[in-house]
């Protein structure tokens, strides 16, 4: 009987430990949605235009008359202006390993911001070069982000962290040890 109560206690503790990351993930998703809405509102207020131009641009980049995606159209997720920023004159590229989605995304982001920070702290440049730090499934995710969906590096970093959260190393929890 004692073993059954211990197992039940471990199950409850395990459930509590699992709920914390779930709640954090939900909080981050809500934060991204709120930030995106606020930035869209501020962009439309600054420019004095509605979203119809953006919708037309999305339609143009998605398909052409034959039903296939056009080659040269918009192949980045950034709002206007980010890709037009010039890289620093002394830019040499990053010397870090490219991230493929199988290791800790926070560690990758720390390495990226440290190395890129040697050259710049400009938000647009960080967005512009982030894709060069990715490969494989991570690069595939990045290239499929919707056009105009990234307006600041913080938005990109948050979406990246959420997308690859399952690659974070997890601490062993009590129930895992019981099942060994």
C-alpha atoms as a PDB file:
ATOM      1  CA  UNK A   1       0.000   0.000   0.000  1.00  0.00           C
ATOM      2  CA  UNK A   2       2.875   2.314   0.831  1.00  0.00           C
ATOM      3  CA  UNK A   3       4.402   1.799  -2.632  1.00  0.00           C
ATOM      4  CA  UNK A   4       1.103   2.699  -4.317  1.00  0.00           C
ATOM      5  CA  UNK A   5       0.811   5.927  -2.343  1.00  0.00           C
ATOM      6  CA  UNK A   6       4.442   6.774  -3.159  1.00  0.00           C
ATOM      7  CA  UNK A   7       3.789   6.224  -6.843  1.00  0.00           C
ATOM      8  CA  UNK A   8       0.639   8.358  -6.688  1.00  0.00           C
ATOM      9  CA  UNK A   9       2.563  11.084  -4.883  1.00  0.00           C
ATOM     10  CA  UNK A  10       5.278  10.954  -7.545  1.00  0.00           C
ATOM     11  CA  UNK A  11       2.662  11.137 -10.298  1.00  0.00           C
ATOM     12  CA  UNK A  12       1.141  14.249  -8.722  1.00  0.00           C
ATOM     13  CA  UNK A  13       4.547  15.868  -8.332  1.00  0.00           C
ATOM     14  CA  UNK A  14       5.402  14.947 -11.931  1.00  0.00           C
ATOM     15  CA  UNK A  15       2.151  16.510 -13.176  1.00  0.00           C
ATOM     16  CA  UNK A  16       2.945  19.708 -11.271  1.00  0.00           C
ATOM     17  CA  UNK A  17       6.451  19.798 -12.772  1.00  0.00           C
ATOM     18  CA  UNK A  18       5.041  19.339 -16.276  1.00  0.00           C
ATOM     19  CA  UNK A  19       2.415  22.045 -15.838  1.00  0.00           C
ATOM     20  CA  UNK A  20       5.002  24.769 -15.228  1.00  0.00           C
ATOM     21  CA  UNK A  21       6.536  24.574 -18.763  1.00  0.00           C
ATOM     22  CA  UNK A  22       3.058  24.282 -20.288  1.00  0.00           C
ATOM     23  CA  UNK A  23       1.914  27.436 -18.514  1.00  0.00           C
ATOM     24  CA  UNK A  24       5.103  29.275 -19.536  1.00  0.00           C
ATOM     25  CA  UNK A  25       4.614  28.219 -23.159  1.00  0.00           C
ATOM     26  CA  UNK A  26       1.009  29.445 -23.111  1.00  0.00           C
ATOM     27  CA  UNK A  27       2.088  32.749 -21.533  1.00  0.00           C
ATOM     28  CA  UNK A  28       4.730  33.253 -24.250  1.00  0.00           C
ATOM     29  CA  UNK A  29       2.221  32.530 -27.025  1.00  0.00           C
ATOM     30  CA  UNK A  30      -0.196  35.092 -25.610  1.00  0.00           C
ATOM     31  CA  UNK A  31       2.632  37.605 -25.272  1.00  0.00           C
ATOM     32  CA  UNK A  32       3.644  37.104 -28.919  1.00  0.00           C
ATOM     33  CA  UNK A  33       0.059  37.568 -30.087  1.00  0.00           C
ATOM     34  CA  UNK A  34      -0.322  40.745 -28.024  1.00  0.00           C
ATOM     35  CA  UNK A  35       3.016  42.162 -29.214  1.00  0.00           C
ATOM     36  CA  UNK A  36       2.172  41.384 -32.828  1.00  0.00           C
ATOM     37  CA  UNK A  37      -1.216  43.091 -32.555  1.00  0.00           C
ATOM     38  CA  UNK A  38       0.290  46.164 -30.889  1.00  0.00           C
ATOM     39  CA  UNK A  39       3.050  46.456 -33.490  1.00  0.00           C
ATOM     40  CA  UNK A  40       0.600  46.001 -36.361  1.00  0.00           C
ATOM     41  CA  UNK A  41      -1.563  48.750 -34.908  1.00  0.00           C
ATOM     42  CA  UNK A  42       1.401  51.081 -34.455  1.00  0.00           C
ATOM     43  CA  UNK A  43       2.704  50.339 -37.977  1.00  0.00           C
ATOM     44  CA  UNK A  44      -0.687  51.004 -39.542  1.00  0.00           C
ATOM     45  CA  UNK A  45      -1.080  54.184 -37.489  1.00  0.00           C
ATOM     46  CA  UNK A  46       2.385  55.414 -38.507  1.00  0.00           C
ATOM     47  CA  UNK A  47       1.917  54.633 -42.179  1.00  0.00           C
ATOM     48  CA  UNK A  48      -1.747  55.621 -42.329  1.00  0.00           C
ATOM     49  CA  UNK A  49      -2.660  52.671 -44.480  1.00  0.00           C
ATOM     50  CA  UNK A  50      -4.716  49.558 -44.027  1.00  0.00           C
ATOM     51  CA  UNK A  51      -3.675  45.925 -44.380  1.00  0.00           C
ATOM     52  CA  UNK A  52      -4.908  45.474 -47.972  1.00  0.00           C
ATOM     53  CA  UNK A  53      -1.442  46.097 -49.402  1.00  0.00           C
ATOM     54  CA  UNK A  54       0.011  43.419 -47.148  1.00  0.00           C
ATOM     55  CA  UNK A  55      -2.672  40.928 -48.117  1.00  0.00           C
ATOM     56  CA  UNK A  56      -1.994  41.569 -51.806  1.00  0.00           C
ATOM     57  CA  UNK A  57       1.739  41.080 -51.242  1.00  0.00           C
ATOM     58  CA  UNK A  58       1.071  37.771 -49.484  1.00  0.00           C
ATOM     59  CA  UNK A  59      -1.095  36.577 -52.348  1.00  0.00           C
ATOM     60  CA  UNK A  60       1.603  37.529 -54.847  1.00  0.00           C
ATOM     61  CA  UNK A  61       4.302  35.666 -52.930  1.00  0.00           C
ATOM     62  CA  UNK A  62       2.261  32.538 -52.388  1.00  0.00           C
ATOM     63  CA  UNK A  63       1.233  31.479 -55.869  1.00  0.00           C
ATOM     64  CA  UNK A  64       1.381  32.528 -59.477  1.00  0.00           C
ATOM     65  CA  UNK A  65      -0.886  31.595 -62.385  1.00  0.00           C
ATOM     66  CA  UNK A  66       0.510  28.060 -62.626  1.00  0.00           C
ATOM     67  CA  UNK A  67      -0.090  27.454 -58.927  1.00  0.00           C
ATOM     68  CA  UNK A  68       3.600  27.332 -58.010  1.00  0.00           C
ATOM     69  CA  UNK A  69       5.486  29.719 -55.772  1.00  0.00           C
ATOM     70  CA  UNK A  70       7.399  32.436 -57.638  1.00  0.00           C
ATOM     71  CA  UNK A  71      11.164  32.305 -57.299  1.00  0.00           C
ATOM     72  CA  UNK A  72      12.333  35.803 -56.468  1.00  0.00           C
ATOM     73  CA  UNK A  73       9.380  37.308 -54.617  1.00  0.00           C
ATOM     74  CA  UNK A  74       9.573  37.886 -50.868  1.00  0.00           C
ATOM     75  CA  UNK A  75      11.476  35.022 -49.223  1.00  0.00           C
ATOM     76  CA  UNK A  76      11.950  36.504 -45.771  1.00  0.00           C
ATOM     77  CA  UNK A  77       9.621  37.033 -42.810  1.00  0.00           C
ATOM     78  CA  UNK A  78      10.616  40.621 -42.056  1.00  0.00           C
ATOM     79  CA  UNK A  79       8.714  43.867 -42.281  1.00  0.00           C
ATOM     80  CA  UNK A  80       9.953  46.394 -44.801  1.00  0.00           C
ATOM     81  CA  UNK A  81      13.277  47.984 -43.957  1.00  0.00           C
ATOM     82  CA  UNK A  82      15.038  45.105 -42.220  1.00  0.00           C
ATOM     83  CA  UNK A  83      16.543  43.524 -45.340  1.00  0.00           C
ATOM     84  CA  UNK A  84      17.609  46.918 -46.683  1.00  0.00           C
ATOM     85  CA  UNK A  85      19.935  47.592 -43.734  1.00  0.00           C
ATOM     86  CA  UNK A  86      23.595  47.250 -44.677  1.00  0.00           C
ATOM     87  CA  UNK A  87      25.852  44.940 -42.722  1.00  0.00           C
ATOM     88  CA  UNK A  88      28.750  46.532 -40.808  1.00  0.00           C
ATOM     89  CA  UNK A  89      31.846  47.212 -42.952  1.00  0.00           C
ATOM     90  CA  UNK A  90      33.977  44.846 -40.882  1.00  0.00           C
ATOM     91  CA  UNK A  91      31.407  42.025 -40.963  1.00  0.00           C
ATOM     92  CA  UNK A  92      33.106  38.642 -41.416  1.00  0.00           C
ATOM     93  CA  UNK A  93      30.256  36.257 -40.725  1.00  0.00           C
ATOM     94  CA  UNK A  94      29.648  34.094 -37.690  1.00  0.00           C
ATOM     95  CA  UNK A  95      32.135  31.440 -36.595  1.00  0.00           C
ATOM     96  CA  UNK A  96      29.606  29.407 -34.641  1.00  0.00           C
ATOM     97  CA  UNK A  97      28.018  26.076 -35.511  1.00  0.00           C
ATOM     98  CA  UNK A  98      24.715  26.391 -37.268  1.00  0.00           C
ATOM     99  CA  UNK A  99      21.642  25.368 -35.285  1.00  0.00           C
ATOM    100  CA  UNK A 100      19.639  22.437 -36.644  1.00  0.00           C
ATOM    101  CA  UNK A 101      16.847  22.242 -34.075  1.00  0.00           C
ATOM    102  CA  UNK A 102      18.198  19.321 -32.037  1.00  0.00           C
ATOM    103  CA  UNK A 103      20.021  21.151 -29.238  1.00  0.00           C
ATOM    104  CA  UNK A 104      19.194  23.830 -26.667  1.00  0.00           C
ATOM    105  CA  UNK A 105      17.698  26.876 -28.483  1.00  0.00           C
ATOM    106  CA  UNK A 106      18.557  29.198 -25.585  1.00  0.00           C
ATOM    107  CA  UNK A 107      22.216  28.248 -25.820  1.00  0.00           C
ATOM    108  CA  UNK A 108      22.165  28.912 -29.567  1.00  0.00           C
ATOM    109  CA  UNK A 109      20.549  32.314 -29.013  1.00  0.00           C
ATOM    110  CA  UNK A 110      23.171  33.165 -26.357  1.00  0.00           C
ATOM    111  CA  UNK A 111      26.025  32.228 -28.684  1.00  0.00           C
ATOM    112  CA  UNK A 112      24.434  34.105 -31.591  1.00  0.00           C
ATOM    113  CA  UNK A 113      23.856  37.329 -29.667  1.00  0.00           C
ATOM    114  CA  UNK A 114      27.355  37.173 -28.173  1.00  0.00           C
ATOM    115  CA  UNK A 115      29.059  36.730 -31.544  1.00  0.00           C
ATOM    116  CA  UNK A 116      26.843  39.154 -33.455  1.00  0.00           C
ATOM    117  CA  UNK A 117      27.200  41.621 -30.576  1.00  0.00           C
ATOM    118  CA  UNK A 118      30.887  41.923 -31.403  1.00  0.00           C
ATOM    119  CA  UNK A 119      29.831  43.723 -34.595  1.00  0.00           C
ATOM    120  CA  UNK A 120      26.493  45.360 -33.841  1.00  0.00           C
ATOM    121  CA  UNK A 121      23.548  45.759 -31.520  1.00  0.00           C
ATOM    122  CA  UNK A 122      21.307  47.031 -34.331  1.00  0.00           C
ATOM    123  CA  UNK A 123      17.996  45.170 -34.191  1.00  0.00           C
ATOM    124  CA  UNK A 124      17.506  45.064 -37.973  1.00  0.00           C
ATOM    125  CA  UNK A 125      20.993  43.664 -38.556  1.00  0.00           C
ATOM    126  CA  UNK A 126      20.459  40.953 -35.926  1.00  0.00           C
ATOM    127  CA  UNK A 127      17.245  39.954 -37.717  1.00  0.00           C
ATOM    128  CA  UNK A 128      18.983  40.098 -41.095  1.00  0.00           C
ATOM    129  CA  UNK A 129      21.842  37.753 -40.132  1.00  0.00           C
ATOM    130  CA  UNK A 130      19.981  35.337 -37.844  1.00  0.00           C
ATOM    131  CA  UNK A 131      19.066  33.034 -40.726  1.00  0.00           C
ATOM    132  CA  UNK A 132      22.768  32.428 -41.429  1.00  0.00           C
ATOM    133  CA  UNK A 133      23.063  30.746 -38.019  1.00  0.00           C
ATOM    134  CA  UNK A 134      20.524  28.051 -38.944  1.00  0.00           C
ATOM    135  CA  UNK A 135      20.521  24.852 -40.985  1.00  0.00           C
ATOM    136  CA  UNK A 136      18.304  21.853 -41.649  1.00  0.00           C
ATOM    137  CA  UNK A 137      14.878  21.856 -39.968  1.00  0.00           C
ATOM    138  CA  UNK A 138      15.603  25.144 -38.169  1.00  0.00           C
ATOM    139  CA  UNK A 139      16.388  26.908 -41.451  1.00  0.00           C
ATOM    140  CA  UNK A 140      13.316  25.289 -42.985  1.00  0.00           C
ATOM    141  CA  UNK A 141      11.169  26.728 -40.160  1.00  0.00           C
ATOM    142  CA  UNK A 142      12.752  30.164 -40.576  1.00  0.00           C
ATOM    143  CA  UNK A 143      12.215  30.335 -44.339  1.00  0.00           C
ATOM    144  CA  UNK A 144       8.548  29.429 -43.911  1.00  0.00           C
ATOM    145  CA  UNK A 145       7.670  32.182 -41.452  1.00  0.00           C
ATOM    146  CA  UNK A 146       4.935  34.367 -42.973  1.00  0.00           C
ATOM    147  CA  UNK A 147       5.980  37.605 -44.710  1.00  0.00           C
ATOM    148  CA  UNK A 148       5.834  40.684 -42.460  1.00  0.00           C
ATOM    149  CA  UNK A 149       5.600  38.510 -39.337  1.00  0.00           C
ATOM    150  CA  UNK A 150       8.899  39.633 -37.775  1.00  0.00           C
ATOM    151  CA  UNK A 151       9.313  43.279 -36.885  1.00  0.00           C
ATOM    152  CA  UNK A 152      11.933  43.147 -34.120  1.00  0.00           C
ATOM    153  CA  UNK A 153      14.679  40.752 -33.081  1.00  0.00           C
ATOM    154  CA  UNK A 154      12.830  40.092 -29.800  1.00  0.00           C
ATOM    155  CA  UNK A 155       9.863  38.795 -31.784  1.00  0.00           C
ATOM    156  CA  UNK A 156      12.151  36.494 -33.770  1.00  0.00           C
ATOM    157  CA  UNK A 157      13.959  35.276 -30.631  1.00  0.00           C
ATOM    158  CA  UNK A 158      10.669  34.540 -28.852  1.00  0.00           C
ATOM    159  CA  UNK A 159       9.185  32.645 -31.790  1.00  0.00           C
ATOM    160  CA  UNK A 160      12.444  30.719 -32.190  1.00  0.00           C
ATOM    161  CA  UNK A 161      12.425  29.762 -28.496  1.00  0.00           C
ATOM    162  CA  UNK A 162       8.827  28.569 -28.663  1.00  0.00           C
ATOM    163  CA  UNK A 163       9.351  26.614 -31.875  1.00  0.00           C
ATOM    164  CA  UNK A 164      12.352  24.703 -30.528  1.00  0.00           C
ATOM    165  CA  UNK A 165      11.350  24.527 -26.841  1.00  0.00           C
ATOM    166  CA  UNK A 166      11.115  20.749 -27.049  1.00  0.00           C
ATOM    167  CA  UNK A 167      14.848  20.618 -27.806  1.00  0.00           C
ATOM    168  CA  UNK A 168      15.710  22.101 -24.427  1.00  0.00           C
ATOM    169  CA  UNK A 169      17.464  19.704 -22.093  1.00  0.00           C
ATOM    170  CA  UNK A 170      15.048  18.514 -19.424  1.00  0.00           C
ATOM    171  CA  UNK A 171      15.909  17.696 -15.863  1.00  0.00           C
ATOM    172  CA  UNK A 172      15.044  14.219 -14.786  1.00  0.00           C
ATOM    173  CA  UNK A 173      11.876  14.228 -12.770  1.00  0.00           C
ATOM    174  CA  UNK A 174      10.955  11.856  -9.982  1.00  0.00           C
ATOM    175  CA  UNK A 175       8.492   9.791 -12.031  1.00  0.00           C
ATOM    176  CA  UNK A 176      11.101   9.221 -14.720  1.00  0.00           C
ATOM    177  CA  UNK A 177      13.423   7.783 -12.102  1.00  0.00           C
ATOM    178  CA  UNK A 178      10.685   5.487 -10.778  1.00  0.00           C
ATOM    179  CA  UNK A 179      10.083   4.104 -14.280  1.00  0.00           C
ATOM    180  CA  UNK A 180      13.727   3.080 -14.768  1.00  0.00           C
END
